Amino acid sequence: MLKPANNTTLIALIKLLDDPDETAFNLVRNQILLLGSDAIGPLEKCLDNTFDSMVRDRIQPIIRKLHQDNLYVEFSNWLNIGSSDLLTGFILVTKTHFPSLDERDIVISIEQLKMDIWIELHENLTALENVKVLNHIVFDIHHFEGNKSDMALPENSYIHSLLETKKGSPLSLGMLFIILSQKLGLPVYGVNLPQHFILAYLSAPGIENPGADDVLFYINPFNNGAVFTRREIDLFIGQMKINPEKSFFAPCSNPEIIRRLIKNLIFSYNQSGEHEKIEDLETLLTAYE
């Protein structure tokens, strides 16, 4: 919350947004940006209450810039200290273009899904039986599925859209599967296979720096959680005519998964020519540098 002095300053600055002089406006804009994300609320209130088209055209980019600056800080912090929580990374990328996203609704939906699965699990189940339970709840009961008719649609890559429509890409469905599995203590991780994101079920939980030798089997989230072996990956790589790499068979990190999510969205928005959205996503990528 803004201190009283800053709040008074902000109110005065907002009143100057109708100054026709561009130089004066740029000075005002820069001063507002210095006040940070606390300025968003008053600016949105002004946006709702003004009919001045010039003021509206000036306020909207300022609000967008404040949202993106704040999101960049949150995302950088996630990369540096909190990347063990894949759901948070997923939410932050979604907030790039849906800044008013209610995180509580997302968390509640995920917890409900987790509880539906937890009820069916017990300690005597094998790894394959655990996956069978997850598949039944996620794909048969809740009817999540791959959007095979339009896999590159940006909506496939946003967490709230995935939960609402039950349709997603291999990556977003895989991320949901990982999030649910790990909340339940099951050792499921992502694998950065070219052109198709898959999952690995490890031989035990808690393995540090797991590699391909720690994988029991693989899971295809885009095909209702079908289970397969390394041989199928070898065949896929052969069909793609690319050289096999260790990373095609081993679990990858959460930051790598989120980087792939961002790049998928950039590809989607390149298809539709939405350059402003591409810029926002590319800004997030700079946090990896």
C-alpha atoms as a PDB file:
ATOM      1  CA  MET A   1       0.000   0.000   0.000  1.00  0.00           C
ATOM      2  CA  LEU A   2       1.226   3.489  -0.855  1.00  0.00           C
ATOM      3  CA  LYS A   3       2.310   5.749   1.977  1.00  0.00           C
ATOM      4  CA  PRO A   4       0.027   8.825   2.390  1.00  0.00           C
ATOM      5  CA  ALA A   5       2.631  11.118   0.803  1.00  0.00           C
ATOM      6  CA  ASN A   6       3.055   8.797  -2.188  1.00  0.00           C
ATOM      7  CA  ASN A   7      -0.711   8.401  -2.503  1.00  0.00           C
ATOM      8  CA  THR A   8      -1.124  12.186  -2.629  1.00  0.00           C
ATOM      9  CA  THR A   9       1.629  12.356  -5.239  1.00  0.00           C
ATOM     10  CA  LEU A  10      -0.025   9.648  -7.322  1.00  0.00           C
ATOM     11  CA  ILE A  11      -3.405  11.397  -7.266  1.00  0.00           C
ATOM     12  CA  ALA A  12      -1.723  14.591  -8.438  1.00  0.00           C
ATOM     13  CA  LEU A  13       0.139  12.730 -11.190  1.00  0.00           C
ATOM     14  CA  ILE A  14      -3.027  11.015 -12.417  1.00  0.00           C
ATOM     15  CA  LYS A  15      -4.692  14.411 -12.755  1.00  0.00           C
ATOM     16  CA  LEU A  16      -1.863  15.437 -15.093  1.00  0.00           C
ATOM     17  CA  LEU A  17      -2.437  12.557 -17.513  1.00  0.00           C
ATOM     18  CA  ASP A  18      -4.643  14.763 -19.693  1.00  0.00           C
ATOM     19  CA  ASP A  19      -1.791  17.184 -20.388  1.00  0.00           C
ATOM     20  CA  PRO A  20      -1.566  17.318 -24.220  1.00  0.00           C
ATOM     21  CA  ASP A  21       2.181  17.948 -24.084  1.00  0.00           C
ATOM     22  CA  GLU A  22       3.973  14.640 -24.746  1.00  0.00           C
ATOM     23  CA  THR A  23       7.131  15.683 -22.921  1.00  0.00           C
ATOM     24  CA  ALA A  24       5.151  16.530 -19.809  1.00  0.00           C
ATOM     25  CA  PHE A  25       3.235  13.253 -20.097  1.00  0.00           C
ATOM     26  CA  ASN A  26       6.449  11.224 -20.321  1.00  0.00           C
ATOM     27  CA  LEU A  27       7.695  12.857 -17.119  1.00  0.00           C
ATOM     28  CA  VAL A  28       4.406  12.031 -15.399  1.00  0.00           C
ATOM     29  CA  ARG A  29       4.487   8.460 -16.698  1.00  0.00           C
ATOM     30  CA  ASN A  30       8.004   7.877 -15.412  1.00  0.00           C
ATOM     31  CA  GLN A  31       7.099   9.242 -11.975  1.00  0.00           C
ATOM     32  CA  ILE A  32       4.085   6.935 -11.783  1.00  0.00           C
ATOM     33  CA  LEU A  33       6.209   3.931 -12.748  1.00  0.00           C
ATOM     34  CA  LEU A  34       8.602   4.738  -9.907  1.00  0.00           C
ATOM     35  CA  LEU A  35       5.727   4.252  -7.445  1.00  0.00           C
ATOM     36  CA  GLY A  36       5.505   0.596  -8.472  1.00  0.00           C
ATOM     37  CA  SER A  37       2.636  -1.902  -8.388  1.00  0.00           C
ATOM     38  CA  ASP A  38       0.768  -0.018  -5.639  1.00  0.00           C
ATOM     39  CA  ALA A  39      -0.142   2.518  -8.317  1.00  0.00           C
ATOM     40  CA  ILE A  40      -2.141  -0.073 -10.272  1.00  0.00           C
ATOM     41  CA  GLY A  41      -5.326   0.128  -8.171  1.00  0.00           C
ATOM     42  CA  PRO A  42      -5.758   3.926  -8.392  1.00  0.00           C
ATOM     43  CA  LEU A  43      -4.911   3.855 -12.093  1.00  0.00           C
ATOM     44  CA  GLU A  44      -7.520   1.157 -12.736  1.00  0.00           C
ATOM     45  CA  LYS A  45     -10.074   3.208 -10.772  1.00  0.00           C
ATOM     46  CA  CYS A  46      -9.301   6.217 -12.950  1.00  0.00           C
ATOM     47  CA  LEU A  47      -9.585   4.054 -16.066  1.00  0.00           C
ATOM     48  CA  ASP A  48     -13.059   2.900 -14.982  1.00  0.00           C
ATOM     49  CA  ASN A  49     -14.239   6.451 -14.289  1.00  0.00           C
ATOM     50  CA  THR A  50     -12.889   8.440 -17.232  1.00  0.00           C
ATOM     51  CA  PHE A  51     -14.390   8.871 -20.688  1.00  0.00           C
ATOM     52  CA  ASP A  52     -11.383  10.795 -21.986  1.00  0.00           C
ATOM     53  CA  SER A  53      -9.987   8.591 -24.763  1.00  0.00           C
ATOM     54  CA  MET A  54      -6.504  10.132 -24.553  1.00  0.00           C
ATOM     55  CA  VAL A  55      -6.298   9.489 -20.799  1.00  0.00           C
ATOM     56  CA  ARG A  56      -7.505   5.921 -21.301  1.00  0.00           C
ATOM     57  CA  ASP A  57      -4.939   5.335 -24.038  1.00  0.00           C
ATOM     58  CA  ARG A  58      -2.239   6.617 -21.713  1.00  0.00           C
ATOM     59  CA  ILE A  59      -3.277   4.726 -18.585  1.00  0.00           C
ATOM     60  CA  GLN A  60      -3.583   1.269 -20.151  1.00  0.00           C
ATOM     61  CA  PRO A  61       0.101   0.945 -21.189  1.00  0.00           C
ATOM     62  CA  ILE A  62       1.213   2.238 -17.773  1.00  0.00           C
ATOM     63  CA  ILE A  63      -0.883  -0.401 -15.983  1.00  0.00           C
ATOM     64  CA  ARG A  64       0.460  -3.074 -18.332  1.00  0.00           C
ATOM     65  CA  LYS A  65       4.050  -1.962 -17.684  1.00  0.00           C
ATOM     66  CA  LEU A  66       3.529  -1.996 -13.903  1.00  0.00           C
ATOM     67  CA  HIS A  67       2.019  -5.484 -14.073  1.00  0.00           C
ATOM     68  CA  GLN A  68       4.893  -6.776 -16.185  1.00  0.00           C
ATOM     69  CA  ASP A  69       7.584  -5.207 -13.989  1.00  0.00           C
ATOM     70  CA  ASN A  70       6.037  -6.758 -10.891  1.00  0.00           C
ATOM     71  CA  LEU A  71       5.626 -10.113 -12.612  1.00  0.00           C
ATOM     72  CA  TYR A  72       9.261 -10.082 -13.746  1.00  0.00           C
ATOM     73  CA  VAL A  73      10.421  -9.660 -10.153  1.00  0.00           C
ATOM     74  CA  GLU A  74       8.153 -12.505  -8.985  1.00  0.00           C
ATOM     75  CA  PHE A  75       9.326 -14.738 -11.803  1.00  0.00           C
ATOM     76  CA  SER A  76      13.003 -13.995 -11.147  1.00  0.00           C
ATOM     77  CA  ASN A  77      12.472 -14.856  -7.472  1.00  0.00           C
ATOM     78  CA  TRP A  78      10.768 -18.103  -8.477  1.00  0.00           C
ATOM     79  CA  LEU A  79      13.704 -19.048 -10.686  1.00  0.00           C
ATOM     80  CA  ASN A  80      16.243 -18.272  -7.997  1.00  0.00           C
ATOM     81  CA  ILE A  81      14.636 -19.618  -4.831  1.00  0.00           C
ATOM     82  CA  GLY A  82      11.278 -21.275  -5.438  1.00  0.00           C
ATOM     83  CA  SER A  83      11.373 -23.288  -8.626  1.00  0.00           C
ATOM     84  CA  SER A  84      10.587 -26.539  -6.809  1.00  0.00           C
ATOM     85  CA  ASP A  85       6.939 -25.440  -7.035  1.00  0.00           C
ATOM     86  CA  LEU A  86       5.965 -25.989 -10.675  1.00  0.00           C
ATOM     87  CA  LEU A  87       2.413 -24.732 -10.125  1.00  0.00           C
ATOM     88  CA  THR A  88       3.688 -21.284  -9.128  1.00  0.00           C
ATOM     89  CA  GLY A  89       5.771 -21.077 -12.304  1.00  0.00           C
ATOM     90  CA  PHE A  90       2.729 -22.127 -14.355  1.00  0.00           C
ATOM     91  CA  ILE A  91       0.587 -19.448 -12.687  1.00  0.00           C
ATOM     92  CA  LEU A  92       3.203 -16.730 -13.197  1.00  0.00           C
ATOM     93  CA  VAL A  93       3.449 -17.413 -16.929  1.00  0.00           C
ATOM     94  CA  THR A  94      -0.360 -17.349 -17.161  1.00  0.00           C
ATOM     95  CA  LYS A  95      -0.402 -13.972 -15.378  1.00  0.00           C
ATOM     96  CA  THR A  96       1.703 -12.526 -18.193  1.00  0.00           C
ATOM     97  CA  HIS A  97      -1.551 -12.003 -20.086  1.00  0.00           C
ATOM     98  CA  PHE A  98      -4.105 -12.535 -17.337  1.00  0.00           C
ATOM     99  CA  PRO A  99      -2.753 -10.305 -14.537  1.00  0.00           C
ATOM    100  CA  SER A 100      -6.031 -10.398 -12.586  1.00  0.00           C
ATOM    101  CA  LEU A 101      -5.993 -14.196 -12.422  1.00  0.00           C
ATOM    102  CA  ASP A 102      -7.332 -15.418  -9.073  1.00  0.00           C
ATOM    103  CA  GLU A 103      -4.630 -17.786  -7.854  1.00  0.00           C
ATOM    104  CA  ARG A 104      -6.892 -19.100  -5.090  1.00  0.00           C
ATOM    105  CA  ASP A 105      -9.313 -20.558  -7.624  1.00  0.00           C
ATOM    106  CA  ILE A 106      -6.440 -22.360  -9.337  1.00  0.00           C
ATOM    107  CA  VAL A 107      -5.065 -23.753  -6.071  1.00  0.00           C
ATOM    108  CA  ILE A 108      -8.532 -24.918  -4.962  1.00  0.00           C
ATOM    109  CA  SER A 109      -9.144 -26.703  -8.279  1.00  0.00           C
ATOM    110  CA  ILE A 110      -5.766 -28.447  -8.065  1.00  0.00           C
ATOM    111  CA  GLU A 111      -6.375 -29.497  -4.453  1.00  0.00           C
ATOM    112  CA  GLN A 112      -9.773 -30.929  -5.370  1.00  0.00           C
ATOM    113  CA  LEU A 113      -8.216 -32.965  -8.159  1.00  0.00           C
ATOM    114  CA  LYS A 114      -5.480 -34.130  -5.801  1.00  0.00           C
ATOM    115  CA  MET A 115      -8.013 -35.273  -3.198  1.00  0.00           C
ATOM    116  CA  ASP A 116     -10.000 -37.202  -5.816  1.00  0.00           C
ATOM    117  CA  ILE A 117      -6.820 -39.108  -6.679  1.00  0.00           C
ATOM    118  CA  TRP A 118      -5.620 -39.499  -3.070  1.00  0.00           C
ATOM    119  CA  ILE A 119      -8.828 -41.298  -2.084  1.00  0.00           C
ATOM    120  CA  GLU A 120      -8.055 -44.019  -4.642  1.00  0.00           C
ATOM    121  CA  LEU A 121      -4.379 -44.462  -3.778  1.00  0.00           C
ATOM    122  CA  HIS A 122      -2.868 -46.694  -1.117  1.00  0.00           C
ATOM    123  CA  GLU A 123       0.666 -47.753  -0.221  1.00  0.00           C
ATOM    124  CA  ASN A 124       0.387 -51.262  -1.666  1.00  0.00           C
ATOM    125  CA  LEU A 125      -0.086 -50.093  -5.247  1.00  0.00           C
ATOM    126  CA  THR A 126       2.708 -50.552  -7.770  1.00  0.00           C
ATOM    127  CA  ALA A 127       4.048 -47.666  -9.848  1.00  0.00           C
ATOM    128  CA  LEU A 128       1.933 -48.754 -12.828  1.00  0.00           C
ATOM    129  CA  GLU A 129      -1.152 -49.024 -10.629  1.00  0.00           C
ATOM    130  CA  ASN A 130      -0.514 -45.514  -9.294  1.00  0.00           C
ATOM    131  CA  VAL A 131      -0.440 -44.169 -12.844  1.00  0.00           C
ATOM    132  CA  LYS A 132      -3.596 -46.116 -13.677  1.00  0.00           C
ATOM    133  CA  VAL A 133      -5.377 -44.356 -10.799  1.00  0.00           C
ATOM    134  CA  LEU A 134      -4.154 -40.931 -11.941  1.00  0.00           C
ATOM    135  CA  ASN A 135      -5.201 -41.638 -15.519  1.00  0.00           C
ATOM    136  CA  HIS A 136      -8.651 -42.768 -14.410  1.00  0.00           C
ATOM    137  CA  ILE A 137      -9.305 -39.643 -12.329  1.00  0.00           C
ATOM    138  CA  VAL A 138      -7.711 -37.107 -14.681  1.00  0.00           C
ATOM    139  CA  PHE A 139      -8.817 -38.477 -18.048  1.00  0.00           C
ATOM    140  CA  ASP A 140     -11.856 -40.675 -17.394  1.00  0.00           C
ATOM    141  CA  ILE A 141     -13.555 -38.909 -14.496  1.00  0.00           C
ATOM    142  CA  HIS A 142     -12.584 -35.272 -15.102  1.00  0.00           C
ATOM    143  CA  HIS A 143     -12.314 -35.661 -18.892  1.00  0.00           C
ATOM    144  CA  PHE A 144      -9.040 -33.821 -19.493  1.00  0.00           C
ATOM    145  CA  GLU A 145      -7.788 -34.389 -23.021  1.00  0.00           C
ATOM    146  CA  GLY A 146      -5.330 -33.171 -25.593  1.00  0.00           C
ATOM    147  CA  ASN A 147      -6.557 -30.472 -27.940  1.00  0.00           C
ATOM    148  CA  LYS A 148      -5.556 -32.430 -31.030  1.00  0.00           C
ATOM    149  CA  SER A 149      -7.505 -30.219 -33.438  1.00  0.00           C
ATOM    150  CA  ASP A 150      -5.549 -27.056 -32.504  1.00  0.00           C
ATOM    151  CA  MET A 151      -2.512 -27.943 -30.427  1.00  0.00           C
ATOM    152  CA  ALA A 152      -0.788 -24.561 -30.994  1.00  0.00           C
ATOM    153  CA  LEU A 153      -3.715 -22.534 -29.599  1.00  0.00           C
ATOM    154  CA  PRO A 154      -2.326 -20.220 -26.860  1.00  0.00           C
ATOM    155  CA  GLU A 155      -5.199 -21.109 -24.525  1.00  0.00           C
ATOM    156  CA  ASN A 156      -3.810 -24.641 -24.317  1.00  0.00           C
ATOM    157  CA  SER A 157      -0.830 -23.268 -22.417  1.00  0.00           C
ATOM    158  CA  TYR A 158      -2.586 -21.328 -19.643  1.00  0.00           C
ATOM    159  CA  ILE A 159      -3.411 -23.026 -16.353  1.00  0.00           C
ATOM    160  CA  HIS A 160      -6.855 -21.452 -15.839  1.00  0.00           C
ATOM    161  CA  SER A 161      -7.912 -22.268 -19.410  1.00  0.00           C
ATOM    162  CA  LEU A 162      -6.731 -25.867 -19.022  1.00  0.00           C
ATOM    163  CA  LEU A 163      -8.766 -26.275 -15.823  1.00  0.00           C
ATOM    164  CA  GLU A 164     -11.873 -24.647 -17.355  1.00  0.00           C
ATOM    165  CA  THR A 165     -11.940 -26.269 -20.799  1.00  0.00           C
ATOM    166  CA  LYS A 166     -10.224 -29.569 -19.842  1.00  0.00           C
ATOM    167  CA  LYS A 167      -8.238 -29.275 -23.085  1.00  0.00           C
ATOM    168  CA  GLY A 168      -4.482 -28.764 -23.312  1.00  0.00           C
ATOM    169  CA  SER A 169      -1.220 -29.354 -25.083  1.00  0.00           C
ATOM    170  CA  PRO A 170       1.228 -32.175 -24.313  1.00  0.00           C
ATOM    171  CA  LEU A 171       3.137 -29.708 -22.144  1.00  0.00           C
ATOM    172  CA  SER A 172       0.239 -28.237 -20.153  1.00  0.00           C
ATOM    173  CA  LEU A 173      -1.346 -31.659 -19.567  1.00  0.00           C
ATOM    174  CA  GLY A 174       2.064 -33.002 -18.583  1.00  0.00           C
ATOM    175  CA  MET A 175       2.590 -30.141 -16.141  1.00  0.00           C
ATOM    176  CA  LEU A 176      -0.792 -30.818 -14.546  1.00  0.00           C
ATOM    177  CA  PHE A 177       0.114 -34.504 -14.225  1.00  0.00           C
ATOM    178  CA  ILE A 178       3.475 -33.618 -12.630  1.00  0.00           C
ATOM    179  CA  ILE A 179       1.913 -31.155 -10.183  1.00  0.00           C
ATOM    180  CA  LEU A 180      -0.725 -33.659  -9.046  1.00  0.00           C
ATOM    181  CA  SER A 181       1.752 -36.545  -8.847  1.00  0.00           C
ATOM    182  CA  GLN A 182       4.316 -34.689  -6.812  1.00  0.00           C
ATOM    183  CA  LYS A 183       1.678 -33.345  -4.415  1.00  0.00           C
ATOM    184  CA  LEU A 184       0.814 -37.005  -3.811  1.00  0.00           C
ATOM    185  CA  GLY A 185       4.440 -38.027  -3.318  1.00  0.00           C
ATOM    186  CA  LEU A 186       4.744 -39.859  -6.637  1.00  0.00           C
ATOM    187  CA  PRO A 187       8.096 -39.431  -8.473  1.00  0.00           C
ATOM    188  CA  VAL A 188       6.844 -38.132 -11.828  1.00  0.00           C
ATOM    189  CA  TYR A 189       8.987 -35.620 -13.740  1.00  0.00           C
ATOM    190  CA  GLY A 190       9.040 -33.961 -17.137  1.00  0.00           C
ATOM    191  CA  VAL A 191      11.230 -35.024 -20.055  1.00  0.00           C
ATOM    192  CA  ASN A 192      12.172 -32.462 -22.716  1.00  0.00           C
ATOM    193  CA  LEU A 193      11.726 -34.636 -25.779  1.00  0.00           C
ATOM    194  CA  PRO A 194      11.842 -32.570 -29.005  1.00  0.00           C
ATOM    195  CA  GLN A 195       8.395 -31.705 -30.377  1.00  0.00           C
ATOM    196  CA  HIS A 196       6.650 -33.755 -27.705  1.00  0.00           C
ATOM    197  CA  PHE A 197       6.718 -33.338 -23.951  1.00  0.00           C
ATOM    198  CA  ILE A 198       6.538 -36.601 -22.003  1.00  0.00           C
ATOM    199  CA  LEU A 199       6.856 -37.750 -18.393  1.00  0.00           C
ATOM    200  CA  ALA A 200       9.145 -40.107 -16.511  1.00  0.00           C
ATOM    201  CA  TYR A 201       8.168 -42.216 -13.508  1.00  0.00           C
ATOM    202  CA  LEU A 202      11.277 -42.761 -11.381  1.00  0.00           C
ATOM    203  CA  SER A 203      12.258 -45.879  -9.480  1.00  0.00           C
ATOM    204  CA  ALA A 204      12.030 -44.025  -6.158  1.00  0.00           C
ATOM    205  CA  PRO A 205      11.117 -40.585  -4.798  1.00  0.00           C
ATOM    206  CA  GLY A 206      13.740 -38.129  -3.630  1.00  0.00           C
ATOM    207  CA  ILE A 207      16.493 -39.061  -6.080  1.00  0.00           C
ATOM    208  CA  GLU A 208      18.933 -36.173  -6.460  1.00  0.00           C
ATOM    209  CA  ASN A 209      19.829 -35.244 -10.043  1.00  0.00           C
ATOM    210  CA  PRO A 210      17.951 -38.218 -11.559  1.00  0.00           C
ATOM    211  CA  GLY A 211      19.066 -39.576 -14.920  1.00  0.00           C
ATOM    212  CA  ALA A 212      17.728 -41.979 -17.518  1.00  0.00           C
ATOM    213  CA  ASP A 213      18.867 -44.985 -15.467  1.00  0.00           C
ATOM    214  CA  ASP A 214      16.495 -43.914 -12.670  1.00  0.00           C
ATOM    215  CA  VAL A 215      13.422 -44.071 -14.932  1.00  0.00           C
ATOM    216  CA  LEU A 216      11.035 -47.024 -14.539  1.00  0.00           C
ATOM    217  CA  PHE A 217       8.878 -46.074 -17.512  1.00  0.00           C
ATOM    218  CA  TYR A 218       7.559 -43.098 -19.457  1.00  0.00           C
ATOM    219  CA  ILE A 219       4.086 -41.584 -19.703  1.00  0.00           C
ATOM    220  CA  ASN A 220       2.407 -39.786 -22.609  1.00  0.00           C
ATOM    221  CA  PRO A 221       0.020 -37.187 -21.077  1.00  0.00           C
ATOM    222  CA  PHE A 222      -1.328 -36.275 -24.518  1.00  0.00           C
ATOM    223  CA  ASN A 223      -2.502 -39.850 -25.037  1.00  0.00           C
ATOM    224  CA  ASN A 224      -4.530 -40.288 -21.843  1.00  0.00           C
ATOM    225  CA  GLY A 225      -1.429 -41.155 -19.826  1.00  0.00           C
ATOM    226  CA  ALA A 226      -0.332 -44.135 -21.933  1.00  0.00           C
ATOM    227  CA  VAL A 227       2.737 -45.874 -20.509  1.00  0.00           C
ATOM    228  CA  PHE A 228       5.718 -46.781 -22.708  1.00  0.00           C
ATOM    229  CA  THR A 229       9.434 -47.615 -22.583  1.00  0.00           C
ATOM    230  CA  ARG A 230      12.708 -46.155 -23.785  1.00  0.00           C
ATOM    231  CA  ARG A 231      12.396 -48.195 -26.972  1.00  0.00           C
ATOM    232  CA  GLU A 232       9.471 -46.042 -28.113  1.00  0.00           C
ATOM    233  CA  ILE A 233      11.574 -42.914 -27.592  1.00  0.00           C
ATOM    234  CA  ASP A 234      14.354 -44.450 -29.678  1.00  0.00           C
ATOM    235  CA  LEU A 235      11.867 -45.159 -32.463  1.00  0.00           C
ATOM    236  CA  PHE A 236      10.427 -41.625 -32.246  1.00  0.00           C
ATOM    237  CA  ILE A 237      13.894 -40.049 -32.446  1.00  0.00           C
ATOM    238  CA  GLY A 238      14.700 -42.284 -35.425  1.00  0.00           C
ATOM    239  CA  GLN A 239      11.560 -41.147 -37.227  1.00  0.00           C
ATOM    240  CA  MET A 240      12.475 -37.523 -36.484  1.00  0.00           C
ATOM    241  CA  LYS A 241      15.959 -38.166 -37.897  1.00  0.00           C
ATOM    242  CA  ILE A 242      17.708 -36.388 -35.060  1.00  0.00           C
ATOM    243  CA  ASN A 243      20.698 -37.495 -33.019  1.00  0.00           C
ATOM    244  CA  PRO A 244      19.776 -38.935 -29.606  1.00  0.00           C
ATOM    245  CA  GLU A 245      20.845 -36.933 -26.563  1.00  0.00           C
ATOM    246  CA  LYS A 246      20.818 -37.843 -22.865  1.00  0.00           C
ATOM    247  CA  SER A 247      18.276 -35.088 -22.192  1.00  0.00           C
ATOM    248  CA  PHE A 248      15.714 -36.904 -24.375  1.00  0.00           C
ATOM    249  CA  PHE A 249      15.517 -39.711 -21.810  1.00  0.00           C
ATOM    250  CA  ALA A 250      16.218 -38.043 -18.454  1.00  0.00           C
ATOM    251  CA  PRO A 251      14.050 -35.845 -16.203  1.00  0.00           C
ATOM    252  CA  CYS A 252      14.401 -32.105 -16.693  1.00  0.00           C
ATOM    253  CA  SER A 253      14.121 -29.279 -14.162  1.00  0.00           C
ATOM    254  CA  ASN A 254      11.092 -27.089 -13.506  1.00  0.00           C
ATOM    255  CA  PRO A 255      12.833 -23.986 -14.942  1.00  0.00           C
ATOM    256  CA  GLU A 256      13.441 -25.953 -18.154  1.00  0.00           C
ATOM    257  CA  ILE A 257       9.758 -26.891 -18.300  1.00  0.00           C
ATOM    258  CA  ILE A 258       8.667 -23.288 -17.802  1.00  0.00           C
ATOM    259  CA  ARG A 259      11.157 -22.070 -20.419  1.00  0.00           C
ATOM    260  CA  ARG A 260       9.588 -24.523 -22.874  1.00  0.00           C
ATOM    261  CA  LEU A 261       6.117 -23.241 -21.918  1.00  0.00           C
ATOM    262  CA  ILE A 262       7.166 -19.644 -22.628  1.00  0.00           C
ATOM    263  CA  LYS A 263       8.719 -20.590 -25.970  1.00  0.00           C
ATOM    264  CA  ASN A 264       5.587 -22.528 -26.949  1.00  0.00           C
ATOM    265  CA  LEU A 265       3.496 -19.425 -26.258  1.00  0.00           C
ATOM    266  CA  ILE A 266       5.884 -17.234 -28.243  1.00  0.00           C
ATOM    267  CA  PHE A 267       5.514 -19.648 -31.175  1.00  0.00           C
ATOM    268  CA  SER A 268       1.711 -19.529 -30.863  1.00  0.00           C
ATOM    269  CA  TYR A 269       1.605 -15.729 -30.805  1.00  0.00           C
ATOM    270  CA  ASN A 270       4.028 -15.545 -33.736  1.00  0.00           C
ATOM    271  CA  GLN A 271       1.446 -17.468 -35.719  1.00  0.00           C
ATOM    272  CA  SER A 272      -1.174 -14.807 -34.988  1.00  0.00           C
ATOM    273  CA  GLY A 273       1.198 -11.817 -35.123  1.00  0.00           C
ATOM    274  CA  GLU A 274       0.495 -10.617 -31.576  1.00  0.00           C
ATOM    275  CA  HIS A 275       3.811  -8.853 -31.075  1.00  0.00           C
ATOM    276  CA  GLU A 276       2.962  -7.134 -27.791  1.00  0.00           C
ATOM    277  CA  LYS A 277       2.310 -10.487 -26.129  1.00  0.00           C
ATOM    278  CA  ILE A 278       5.524 -11.872 -27.589  1.00  0.00           C
ATOM    279  CA  GLU A 279       7.477  -8.976 -26.075  1.00  0.00           C
ATOM    280  CA  ASP A 280       6.037  -9.679 -22.617  1.00  0.00           C
ATOM    281  CA  LEU A 281       7.028 -13.346 -22.834  1.00  0.00           C
ATOM    282  CA  GLU A 282      10.489 -12.557 -24.164  1.00  0.00           C
ATOM    283  CA  THR A 283      10.971 -10.270 -21.176  1.00  0.00           C
ATOM    284  CA  LEU A 284      10.358 -13.230 -18.879  1.00  0.00           C
ATOM    285  CA  LEU A 285      12.965 -15.241 -20.783  1.00  0.00           C
ATOM    286  CA  THR A 286      15.604 -12.633 -19.936  1.00  0.00           C
ATOM    287  CA  ALA A 287      15.287 -13.728 -16.285  1.00  0.00           C
ATOM    288  CA  TYR A 288      17.175 -16.902 -17.308  1.00  0.00           C
ATOM    289  CA  GLU A 289      20.234 -14.902 -18.382  1.00  0.00           C
END
